[in-house]
N, C-alpha and C. Protein backbone atom coordinates (compact mmCIF):
# COMPACT_ATOMS: atom_id res chain seq x y z
N MET A 1 77.02 45.48 15.23
CA MET A 1 77.07 45.17 16.34
C MET A 1 77.76 44.34 17.19
N SER A 2 78.66 44.17 17.94
CA SER A 2 78.20 42.79 17.98
C SER A 2 77.82 42.44 20.14
N ASP A 3 77.58 41.77 20.62
CA ASP A 3 76.87 41.58 21.68
C ASP A 3 78.02 41.43 23.23
N SER A 4 77.35 42.17 23.75
CA SER A 4 78.10 41.77 25.34
C SER A 4 78.61 41.01 25.83
N VAL A 5 79.48 40.56 26.64
CA VAL A 5 79.45 38.97 27.40
C VAL A 5 78.21 38.97 27.82
N PHE A 6 77.60 40.11 28.45
CA PHE A 6 76.46 38.78 29.29
C PHE A 6 75.37 38.58 28.48
N VAL A 7 75.12 38.97 27.38
CA VAL A 7 74.21 38.58 26.23
C VAL A 7 74.16 37.23 26.00
N SER A 8 75.88 37.64 25.06
CA SER A 8 76.14 35.73 24.57
C SER A 8 75.99 35.08 25.39
N ALA A 9 76.03 35.15 27.20
CA ALA A 9 76.02 34.29 27.80
C ALA A 9 74.53 33.25 28.30
N LEU A 10 74.01 34.77 28.06
CA LEU A 10 72.28 34.14 28.18
C LEU A 10 72.11 33.42 26.97
N LEU A 11 72.02 34.15 25.44
CA LEU A 11 72.14 33.31 24.77
C LEU A 11 72.14 31.90 24.78
N ALA A 12 74.03 31.75 25.49
CA ALA A 12 74.57 30.16 25.25
C ALA A 12 74.02 29.41 26.40
N SER A 13 73.23 30.04 27.19
CA SER A 13 72.14 29.41 28.71
C SER A 13 70.66 29.02 27.91
N VAL A 14 70.42 29.43 27.29
CA VAL A 14 68.13 30.69 26.99
C VAL A 14 68.45 29.19 25.81
N GLY A 15 69.64 28.73 24.89
CA GLY A 15 69.77 28.70 23.63
C GLY A 15 68.77 28.42 23.16
N ASP A 16 67.63 27.47 22.96
CA ASP A 16 66.53 28.00 21.56
C ASP A 16 65.18 27.05 22.61
N ASP A 17 66.17 27.23 23.77
CA ASP A 17 64.75 26.75 24.94
C ASP A 17 63.42 27.26 24.73
N PRO A 18 62.78 29.02 24.73
CA PRO A 18 61.70 29.72 24.37
C PRO A 18 60.88 29.31 23.46
N PHE A 19 61.59 28.08 22.41
CA PHE A 19 60.75 28.04 20.76
C PHE A 19 60.32 25.75 21.02
N LYS A 20 61.19 25.70 21.77
CA LYS A 20 60.49 24.65 22.12
C LYS A 20 58.86 24.03 22.83
N THR A 21 58.53 23.95 23.48
CA THR A 21 57.15 23.96 24.46
C THR A 21 56.94 25.17 24.28
N TRP A 22 55.78 24.88 25.40
CA TRP A 22 54.53 26.84 25.84
C TRP A 22 55.42 26.02 27.73
N ASP A 23 55.61 25.08 27.48
CA ASP A 23 56.00 25.20 28.86
C ASP A 23 57.12 25.56 29.30
N SER A 24 58.34 25.74 28.55
CA SER A 24 59.48 26.29 28.20
C SER A 24 59.69 27.81 28.27
N ARG A 25 58.26 28.04 27.08
CA ARG A 25 58.16 29.51 27.20
C ARG A 25 58.12 30.48 27.93
N LEU A 26 57.35 29.55 29.04
CA LEU A 26 56.22 29.91 29.99
C LEU A 26 57.80 30.70 31.35
N THR A 27 58.12 28.62 30.98
CA THR A 27 59.60 29.30 31.78
C THR A 27 60.64 30.45 31.94
N TRP A 28 60.41 29.66 30.87
CA TRP A 28 61.35 31.44 30.57
C TRP A 28 61.05 32.85 29.87
N LEU A 29 60.39 33.06 30.04
CA LEU A 29 59.49 34.40 30.99
C LEU A 29 59.23 34.34 32.37
N SER A 30 58.88 33.97 32.90
CA SER A 30 59.42 33.67 34.99
C SER A 30 60.74 33.69 35.44
N ASN A 31 61.23 32.89 34.64
CA ASN A 31 63.13 32.89 35.18
C ASN A 31 63.98 34.35 34.32
N GLY A 32 63.31 34.59 33.04
CA GLY A 32 63.94 35.63 32.47
C GLY A 32 64.00 36.94 33.08
N PHE A 33 62.49 37.04 33.34
CA PHE A 33 61.35 38.58 33.13
C PHE A 33 60.70 39.15 34.57
N ALA A 34 60.31 37.30 35.56
CA ALA A 34 59.78 37.81 36.08
C ALA A 34 58.57 37.66 35.94
N ILE A 35 57.80 37.08 35.15
CA ILE A 35 56.78 37.16 34.60
C ILE A 35 56.04 35.65 34.73
N SER A 36 55.02 35.14 35.38
CA SER A 36 54.63 35.04 36.18
C SER A 36 53.00 34.25 35.28
N LEU A 37 52.85 33.42 34.68
CA LEU A 37 51.88 33.11 34.13
C LEU A 37 51.10 31.49 34.10
N LYS A 38 51.90 30.74 34.34
CA LYS A 38 51.19 29.44 34.65
C LYS A 38 50.56 29.24 35.35
N GLY A 39 49.98 28.09 35.60
CA GLY A 39 48.50 27.88 36.21
C GLY A 39 47.30 28.85 36.87
N ASP A 40 47.55 30.30 35.70
CA ASP A 40 46.46 31.52 35.54
C ASP A 40 45.29 30.69 34.47
N ARG A 41 44.05 31.20 34.93
CA ARG A 41 43.36 30.15 34.24
C ARG A 41 43.53 31.11 32.66
N PRO A 42 43.64 32.25 32.38
CA PRO A 42 43.80 32.64 30.83
C PRO A 42 45.11 31.88 29.90
N THR A 43 46.13 31.75 30.97
CA THR A 43 47.13 31.30 30.23
C THR A 43 45.78 29.59 29.74
N GLY A 44 45.43 29.11 31.29
CA GLY A 44 45.40 27.79 30.70
C GLY A 44 43.68 27.73 29.66
N LYS A 45 43.58 28.07 29.21
CA LYS A 45 42.34 28.80 27.97
C LYS A 45 43.64 29.32 27.12
N PHE A 46 44.34 29.60 27.02
CA PHE A 46 44.92 29.31 25.89
C PHE A 46 46.00 28.34 25.35
N LEU A 47 46.27 27.37 26.63
CA LEU A 47 46.92 26.43 25.99
C LEU A 47 46.05 25.10 25.65
N SER A 48 44.56 25.66 26.22
CA SER A 48 43.89 24.83 25.77
C SER A 48 43.36 24.31 24.19
N VAL A 49 43.82 25.92 23.23
CA VAL A 49 43.92 26.61 22.51
C VAL A 49 45.10 25.89 21.34
N VAL A 50 46.19 25.72 21.99
CA VAL A 50 47.43 25.38 21.35
C VAL A 50 47.58 23.78 21.76
N ASP A 51 46.84 23.03 22.20
CA ASP A 51 46.53 21.12 22.51
C ASP A 51 45.23 21.26 21.23
N VAL A 52 44.72 21.82 20.86
CA VAL A 52 43.62 21.69 19.67
C VAL A 52 44.43 21.73 18.45
N ARG A 53 45.36 23.38 18.73
CA ARG A 53 45.50 23.05 17.40
C ARG A 53 47.46 21.70 16.89
N ASN A 54 47.55 21.95 18.41
CA ASN A 54 48.84 20.28 17.86
C ASN A 54 47.50 18.89 17.58
N SER A 55 46.42 19.09 17.87
CA SER A 55 45.77 18.01 17.57
C SER A 55 45.67 18.08 16.16
N ILE A 56 44.99 18.79 15.64
CA ILE A 56 44.39 18.98 14.28
C ILE A 56 45.71 18.61 13.05
N VAL A 57 47.18 19.56 13.67
CA VAL A 57 48.75 19.76 13.26
C VAL A 57 49.12 17.99 13.48
N HIS A 58 49.38 17.14 15.06
CA HIS A 58 49.96 16.44 14.49
C HIS A 58 49.36 15.32 14.68
N GLY A 59 47.85 15.07 14.97
CA GLY A 59 47.49 14.29 14.71
C GLY A 59 45.35 13.89 14.09
N ASP A 60 45.77 14.78 12.64
CA ASP A 60 44.24 14.66 12.01
C ASP A 60 43.81 15.34 12.59
N GLY A 61 43.81 16.30 13.28
CA GLY A 61 41.81 16.09 14.28
C GLY A 61 41.77 15.19 15.51
N LYS A 62 42.66 14.83 15.76
CA LYS A 62 42.51 13.02 17.05
C LYS A 62 43.44 13.46 18.28
N LEU A 63 43.14 13.93 18.96
CA LEU A 63 44.26 13.64 20.40
C LEU A 63 45.53 13.09 19.78
N THR A 64 46.72 13.30 20.22
CA THR A 64 47.64 12.82 19.64
C THR A 64 48.28 12.12 21.49
N SER A 65 48.93 10.85 21.02
CA SER A 65 49.45 9.64 21.50
C SER A 65 50.33 10.22 23.10
N MET A 66 50.38 11.70 22.98
CA MET A 66 51.40 12.49 24.12
C MET A 66 50.11 13.57 25.25
N GLN A 67 49.11 13.23 23.91
CA GLN A 67 47.66 14.04 24.99
C GLN A 67 47.05 13.19 25.70
N VAL A 68 46.51 11.66 25.34
CA VAL A 68 46.57 11.15 25.49
C VAL A 68 46.97 9.81 26.56
N GLY A 69 48.95 10.22 26.57
CA GLY A 69 49.47 9.52 27.65
C GLY A 69 48.54 8.62 29.10
N LYS A 70 48.29 9.80 28.83
CA LYS A 70 48.05 9.76 30.98
C LYS A 70 46.40 10.42 31.81
N VAL A 71 46.03 9.17 31.98
CA VAL A 71 44.68 9.85 32.09
C VAL A 71 43.66 10.55 32.93
N SER A 72 44.93 11.24 33.64
CA SER A 72 44.73 11.82 34.53
C SER A 72 44.64 13.69 33.21
N GLN A 73 45.25 13.48 33.29
CA GLN A 73 46.09 14.40 31.65
C GLN A 73 44.94 14.29 30.80
N PHE A 74 44.46 13.41 30.62
CA PHE A 74 43.12 13.15 29.99
C PHE A 74 42.05 13.79 29.60
N VAL A 75 41.74 13.23 31.04
CA VAL A 75 40.93 14.07 31.75
C VAL A 75 40.58 15.30 31.46
N ASN A 76 41.51 16.10 32.24
CA ASN A 76 41.91 17.52 32.48
C ASN A 76 41.75 18.00 30.91
N LEU A 77 42.08 17.11 30.03
CA LEU A 77 42.26 17.78 28.65
C LEU A 77 40.72 17.62 28.49
N ARG A 78 40.36 17.25 28.31
CA ARG A 78 38.76 17.15 27.53
C ARG A 78 37.81 18.28 28.93
N ARG A 79 37.65 18.46 29.84
CA ARG A 79 37.28 19.13 30.39
C ARG A 79 37.24 20.79 30.09
N GLU A 80 39.15 20.73 29.70
CA GLU A 80 39.58 22.49 29.74
C GLU A 80 39.07 22.20 27.87
N LEU A 81 38.46 21.74 27.08
CA LEU A 81 37.94 21.04 25.68
C LEU A 81 36.86 21.77 25.97
N SER A 82 35.82 21.47 26.84
CA SER A 82 34.76 21.66 27.07
C SER A 82 34.22 23.15 26.87
N ASP A 83 35.02 24.17 27.66
CA ASP A 83 35.36 25.21 27.75
C ASP A 83 35.14 25.82 26.38
N LEU A 84 36.04 25.58 25.50
CA LEU A 84 35.70 26.58 23.79
C LEU A 84 34.64 25.46 22.81
N ALA A 85 33.67 24.06 23.49
CA ALA A 85 32.96 23.87 22.97
C ALA A 85 33.06 22.97 22.83
N ILE A 86 33.97 21.90 22.48
CA ILE A 86 34.04 20.97 21.92
C ILE A 86 34.21 19.92 22.61
N GLU A 87 33.98 18.56 21.76
CA GLU A 87 34.13 17.58 22.41
C GLU A 87 34.49 16.75 21.78
N ILE A 88 34.96 15.47 22.76
CA ILE A 88 36.34 14.47 21.95
C ILE A 88 34.49 13.01 22.45
N SER A 89 34.96 12.88 21.48
CA SER A 89 34.66 11.19 20.38
C SER A 89 35.86 10.23 20.10
N ALA A 90 36.11 9.29 21.15
CA ALA A 90 36.49 8.46 21.53
C ALA A 90 38.15 9.86 21.25
N THR A 91 38.81 9.41 20.25
CA THR A 91 40.16 10.69 20.72
C THR A 91 39.40 11.92 19.05
N ARG A 92 38.91 11.62 18.53
CA ARG A 92 38.72 12.90 17.55
C ARG A 92 37.66 13.86 18.28
N LEU A 93 38.43 15.09 17.37
CA LEU A 93 37.58 16.18 18.74
C LEU A 93 36.23 17.20 17.30
N ILE A 94 35.45 17.10 17.91
CA ILE A 94 34.24 17.48 17.33
C ILE A 94 33.70 18.95 17.74
N PHE A 95 33.88 19.98 16.74
CA PHE A 95 33.73 21.16 17.05
C PHE A 95 32.22 22.00 17.10
N SER A 96 32.15 22.84 17.77
CA SER A 96 30.35 23.51 17.58
C SER A 96 30.41 25.04 17.54
N GLN A 97 29.66 25.53 16.85
CA GLN A 97 29.60 27.01 15.74
C GLN A 97 30.48 27.53 16.36
N GLU A 98 30.21 27.65 18.02
CA GLU A 98 30.57 28.85 18.95
C GLU A 98 32.62 28.27 19.08
N SER A 99 32.84 27.38 18.85
CA SER A 99 34.41 26.79 18.45
C SER A 99 35.60 27.95 18.02
N SER A 100 34.93 27.54 17.44
CA SER A 100 36.30 28.95 16.85
C SER A 100 36.40 30.04 17.64
N THR A 101 35.02 30.94 17.75
CA THR A 101 35.24 32.27 18.48
C THR A 101 35.58 32.41 19.62
N LEU A 102 35.08 31.06 20.79
CA LEU A 102 36.21 30.52 21.91
C LEU A 102 37.32 30.77 21.85
N ALA A 103 37.69 30.47 20.94
CA ALA A 103 39.35 29.73 20.31
C ALA A 103 40.03 31.23 20.51
N ILE A 104 39.40 32.22 19.67
CA ILE A 104 40.48 33.29 19.38
C ILE A 104 39.62 34.65 20.93
N ILE A 105 38.45 34.31 21.29
CA ILE A 105 38.06 34.73 22.65
C ILE A 105 39.63 34.70 23.78
N ALA A 106 39.90 33.06 23.68
CA ALA A 106 41.24 32.70 24.50
C ALA A 106 42.17 33.04 24.12
N CYS A 107 43.01 33.05 23.26
CA CYS A 107 43.24 33.51 23.07
C CYS A 107 43.78 35.46 23.00
N ARG A 108 43.02 35.92 22.69
CA ARG A 108 42.73 37.40 22.85
C ARG A 108 43.07 37.44 24.67
N GLU A 109 42.39 37.36 25.48
CA GLU A 109 42.30 37.25 26.92
C GLU A 109 43.75 36.65 26.77
N PHE A 110 44.40 35.88 26.60
CA PHE A 110 45.74 35.58 27.38
C PHE A 110 47.48 36.54 26.56
N VAL A 111 46.64 36.43 25.98
CA VAL A 111 47.85 38.27 25.27
C VAL A 111 47.00 39.73 25.80
N CYS A 112 46.09 39.55 26.05
CA CYS A 112 45.96 40.87 27.50
C CYS A 112 46.39 40.58 28.98
N HIS A 113 46.53 39.85 28.95
CA HIS A 113 46.90 39.04 30.67
C HIS A 113 48.35 39.52 30.38
N LEU A 114 49.21 38.33 29.62
CA LEU A 114 50.44 38.42 28.95
C LEU A 114 50.93 39.94 28.73
N ASP A 115 50.51 40.89 28.71
CA ASP A 115 50.78 42.87 28.52
C ASP A 115 50.28 43.51 29.52
N GLU A 116 49.35 42.67 30.39
CA GLU A 116 49.23 43.61 32.31
C GLU A 116 50.38 42.64 32.87
N MET A 117 50.40 41.18 32.78
CA MET A 117 51.92 40.90 33.54
C MET A 117 52.77 41.86 33.48
N ALA A 118 53.73 41.75 32.13
CA ALA A 118 54.53 42.88 31.69
C ALA A 118 54.73 43.56 32.38
N LEU A 119 53.56 44.64 32.20
CA LEU A 119 53.59 45.68 33.11
C LEU A 119 53.19 46.34 34.35
N LYS A 120 52.83 44.52 35.09
CA LYS A 120 52.68 44.56 36.63
C LYS A 120 54.23 44.80 36.70
N ALA A 121 55.24 43.48 35.97
CA ALA A 121 56.89 43.82 36.38
C ALA A 121 57.53 44.53 36.02
N TYR A 122 57.04 45.42 35.30
CA TYR A 122 58.03 46.67 34.85
C TYR A 122 57.05 47.67 33.79
N PRO A 123 56.69 48.62 35.18
CA PRO A 123 56.06 49.91 35.73
C PRO A 123 56.42 50.22 34.46
N VAL A 124 58.04 50.47 34.17
CA VAL A 124 58.75 52.26 32.79
C VAL A 124 57.78 51.30 31.75
N LEU A 125 57.34 50.44 31.79
CA LEU A 125 56.24 50.06 30.25
C LEU A 125 55.47 51.13 29.79
N ARG A 126 54.30 50.95 31.08
CA ARG A 126 53.14 51.57 31.21
C ARG A 126 53.53 52.91 30.34
N ALA A 127 54.47 53.50 31.44
CA ALA A 127 54.47 55.11 30.41
C ALA A 127 54.90 55.37 29.32
N ALA A 128 55.07 53.71 28.63
CA ALA A 128 56.53 53.74 27.08
C ALA A 128 54.95 53.65 26.34
N SER A 129 54.01 52.88 26.55
CA SER A 129 52.85 52.26 25.68
C SER A 129 51.56 53.85 26.11
N MET A 130 51.70 54.05 27.12
CA MET A 130 50.72 55.66 26.93
C MET A 130 51.00 56.75 25.54
C-alpha cells in the first residue's frame, strides 16, 4: 500500500525527530496530536527516571557531563531525584531500597497521564477503548 502525499510529506517533515530526545517526542505529540505533556508533574517525574537511566547507561551510574553542565539544571535534577529516593554524592547516584518502586510508579503514572491526555484530545478514542 502506498502512502498518500500527505503522509509522505508528514514523514519527510518529522523524520526521526520523535526518536531523538524526550523533549522532541513531547514536542511531536503536542504539535502533531495536540497532546500537551511538557511541564506537568507526571511527565517531570517520568523524565527524572529517564535521567536516571541515562546516568546508568551513559555515565556508569554517575551523572553525565550533559546532566551537570548547568548549575541550575544540576540543582533541579538533585531535587527531582530525591523524589525517587535517590541521592547524589559528587556525581554518583545512590539508590535506596524504595528507588525502583518509586521509578515504576512514576512510569506507570506517566503512561496513565498520557492515555488520559490522548482521550481528552481525541474523545472518540474513549468509546473505542470501552
